[in-house]
Amino acid sequence: NVGGGDFYVFELNRGREKEKRRRRR
Protein backbone atom coordinates (compact mmCIF):
# COMPACT_ATOMS: atom_id res chain seq x y z
CA ASN A 1 0.00 0.00 0.00
CA VAL A 2 1.56 3.27 -1.09
CA GLY A 3 0.38 6.36 0.82
CA GLY A 4 -2.42 4.35 2.41
CA GLY A 5 -2.61 6.63 5.44
CA ASP A 6 -2.57 9.71 3.20
CA PHE A 7 -5.34 8.27 1.07
CA TYR A 8 -7.38 7.49 4.18
CA VAL A 9 -7.00 11.06 5.42
CA PHE A 10 -7.91 12.42 2.01
CA GLU A 11 -11.08 10.30 1.87
CA LEU A 12 -12.02 11.33 5.39
CA ASN A 13 -11.42 14.99 4.62
CA ARG A 14 -13.46 14.73 1.43
CA GLY A 15 -16.40 13.11 3.24
CA ARG A 16 -16.25 15.71 5.99
CA GLU A 17 -16.15 18.57 3.49
CA LYS A 18 -19.09 17.10 1.59
CA GLU A 19 -21.14 16.79 4.77
CA LYS A 20 -20.19 20.31 5.81
CA ARG A 21 -21.19 21.68 2.42
CA ARG A 22 -24.47 19.78 2.49
CA ARG A 23 -25.22 21.10 5.99
CA ARG A 24 -24.80 24.71 4.84
CA ARG A 25 -27.20 27.15 6.50
PDB file of N, CA and C in Angstrom:
ATOM      1  N   ASN A   1       0.857  -1.206   0.000  1.00  0.00           N
ATOM      2  CA  ASN A   1       0.000   0.000   0.000  1.00  0.00           C
ATOM      3  C   ASN A   1       0.887   1.247   0.000  1.00  0.00           C
ATOM      4  N   VAL A   2       0.743   2.043  -1.014  1.00  0.00           N
ATOM      5  CA  VAL A   2       1.565   3.275  -1.086  1.00  0.00           C
ATOM      6  C   VAL A   2       0.723   4.484  -0.668  1.00  0.00           C
ATOM      7  N   GLY A   3       1.149   5.178   0.371  1.00  0.00           N
ATOM      8  CA  GLY A   3       0.377   6.359   0.817  1.00  0.00           C
ATOM      9  C   GLY A   3      -1.002   5.944   1.294  1.00  0.00           C
ATOM     10  N   GLY A   4      -1.100   4.804   1.929  1.00  0.00           N
ATOM     11  CA  GLY A   4      -2.425   4.350   2.407  1.00  0.00           C
ATOM     12  C   GLY A   4      -2.981   5.328   3.439  1.00  0.00           C
ATOM     13  N   GLY A   5      -2.134   5.695   4.396  1.00  0.00           N
ATOM     14  CA  GLY A   5      -2.608   6.632   5.436  1.00  0.00           C
ATOM     15  C   GLY A   5      -3.040   7.952   4.796  1.00  0.00           C
ATOM     16  N   ASP A   6      -2.230   8.440   3.864  1.00  0.00           N
ATOM     17  CA  ASP A   6      -2.565   9.709   3.205  1.00  0.00           C
ATOM     18  C   ASP A   6      -3.918   9.588   2.510  1.00  0.00           C
ATOM     19  N   PHE A   7      -4.088   8.481   1.808  1.00  0.00           N
ATOM     20  CA  PHE A   7      -5.345   8.272   1.073  1.00  0.00           C
ATOM     21  C   PHE A   7      -6.528   8.246   2.049  1.00  0.00           C
ATOM     22  N   TYR A   8      -6.313   7.589   3.164  1.00  0.00           N
ATOM     23  CA  TYR A   8      -7.381   7.489   4.181  1.00  0.00           C
ATOM     24  C   TYR A   8      -7.759   8.892   4.678  1.00  0.00           C
ATOM     25  N   VAL A   9      -6.746   9.689   4.936  1.00  0.00           N
ATOM     26  CA  VAL A   9      -7.002  11.062   5.425  1.00  0.00           C
ATOM     27  C   VAL A   9      -7.724  11.857   4.349  1.00  0.00           C
ATOM     28  N   PHE A  10      -7.283  11.679   3.116  1.00  0.00           N
ATOM     29  CA  PHE A  10      -7.914  12.419   2.008  1.00  0.00           C
ATOM     30  C   PHE A  10      -9.394  12.049   1.903  1.00  0.00           C
ATOM     31  N   GLU A  11      -9.665  10.766   1.978  1.00  0.00           N
ATOM     32  CA  GLU A  11     -11.078  10.302   1.872  1.00  0.00           C
ATOM     33  C   GLU A  11     -11.886  10.873   3.035  1.00  0.00           C
ATOM     34  N   LEU A  12     -11.298  10.828   4.210  1.00  0.00           N
ATOM     35  CA  LEU A  12     -12.018  11.330   5.391  1.00  0.00           C
ATOM     36  C   LEU A  12     -12.289  12.830   5.236  1.00  0.00           C
ATOM     37  N   ASN A  13     -11.268  13.543   4.791  1.00  0.00           N
ATOM     38  CA  ASN A  13     -11.415  14.987   4.616  1.00  0.00           C
ATOM     39  C   ASN A  13     -12.494  15.279   3.584  1.00  0.00           C
ATOM     40  N   ARG A  14     -12.487  14.510   2.507  1.00  0.00           N
ATOM     41  CA  ARG A  14     -13.464  14.734   1.432  1.00  0.00           C
ATOM     42  C   ARG A  14     -14.881  14.498   1.981  1.00  0.00           C
ATOM     43  N   GLY A  15     -15.062  13.418   2.708  1.00  0.00           N
ATOM     44  CA  GLY A  15     -16.402  13.111   3.242  1.00  0.00           C
ATOM     45  C   GLY A  15     -16.837  14.210   4.206  1.00  0.00           C
ATOM     46  N   ARG A  16     -15.907  14.655   5.003  1.00  0.00           N
ATOM     47  CA  ARG A  16     -16.251  15.706   5.992  1.00  0.00           C
ATOM     48  C   ARG A  16     -16.629  16.990   5.246  1.00  0.00           C
ATOM     49  N   GLU A  17     -15.862  17.332   4.232  1.00  0.00           N
ATOM     50  CA  GLU A  17     -16.151  18.566   3.486  1.00  0.00           C
ATOM     51  C   GLU A  17     -17.516  18.469   2.820  1.00  0.00           C
ATOM     52  N   LYS A  18     -17.804  17.299   2.282  1.00  0.00           N
ATOM     53  CA  LYS A  18     -19.095  17.098   1.585  1.00  0.00           C
ATOM     54  C   LYS A  18     -20.248  17.280   2.583  1.00  0.00           C
ATOM     55  N   GLU A  19     -20.067  16.681   3.748  1.00  0.00           N
ATOM     56  CA  GLU A  19     -21.136  16.785   4.770  1.00  0.00           C
ATOM     57  C   GLU A  19     -21.285  18.246   5.209  1.00  0.00           C
ATOM     58  N   LYS A  20     -20.159  18.911   5.364  1.00  0.00           N
ATOM     59  CA  LYS A  20     -20.189  20.307   5.812  1.00  0.00           C
ATOM     60  C   LYS A  20     -20.905  21.162   4.748  1.00  0.00           C
ATOM     61  N   ARG A  21     -20.592  20.893   3.507  1.00  0.00           N
ATOM     62  CA  ARG A  21     -21.188  21.676   2.417  1.00  0.00           C
ATOM     63  C   ARG A  21     -22.693  21.396   2.369  1.00  0.00           C
ATOM     64  N   ARG A  22     -23.043  20.159   2.575  1.00  0.00           N
ATOM     65  CA  ARG A  22     -24.468  19.783   2.486  1.00  0.00           C
ATOM     66  C   ARG A  22     -25.223  20.437   3.668  1.00  0.00           C
ATOM     67  N   ARG A  23     -24.547  20.517   4.806  1.00  0.00           N
ATOM     68  CA  ARG A  23     -25.216  21.100   5.993  1.00  0.00           C
ATOM     69  C   ARG A  23     -24.974  22.609   6.030  1.00  0.00           C
ATOM     70  N   ARG A  24     -25.054  23.246   4.891  1.00  0.00           N
ATOM     71  CA  ARG A  24     -24.796  24.710   4.838  1.00  0.00           C
ATOM     72  C   ARG A  24     -26.080  25.467   5.199  1.00  0.00           C
ATOM     73  N   ARG A  25     -25.981  26.426   6.093  1.00  0.00           N
ATOM     74  CA  ARG A  25     -27.203  27.147   6.501  1.00  0.00           C
ATOM     75  C   ARG A  25     -27.501  28.227   5.484  1.00  0.00           C
TER      76      ARG A  25
END
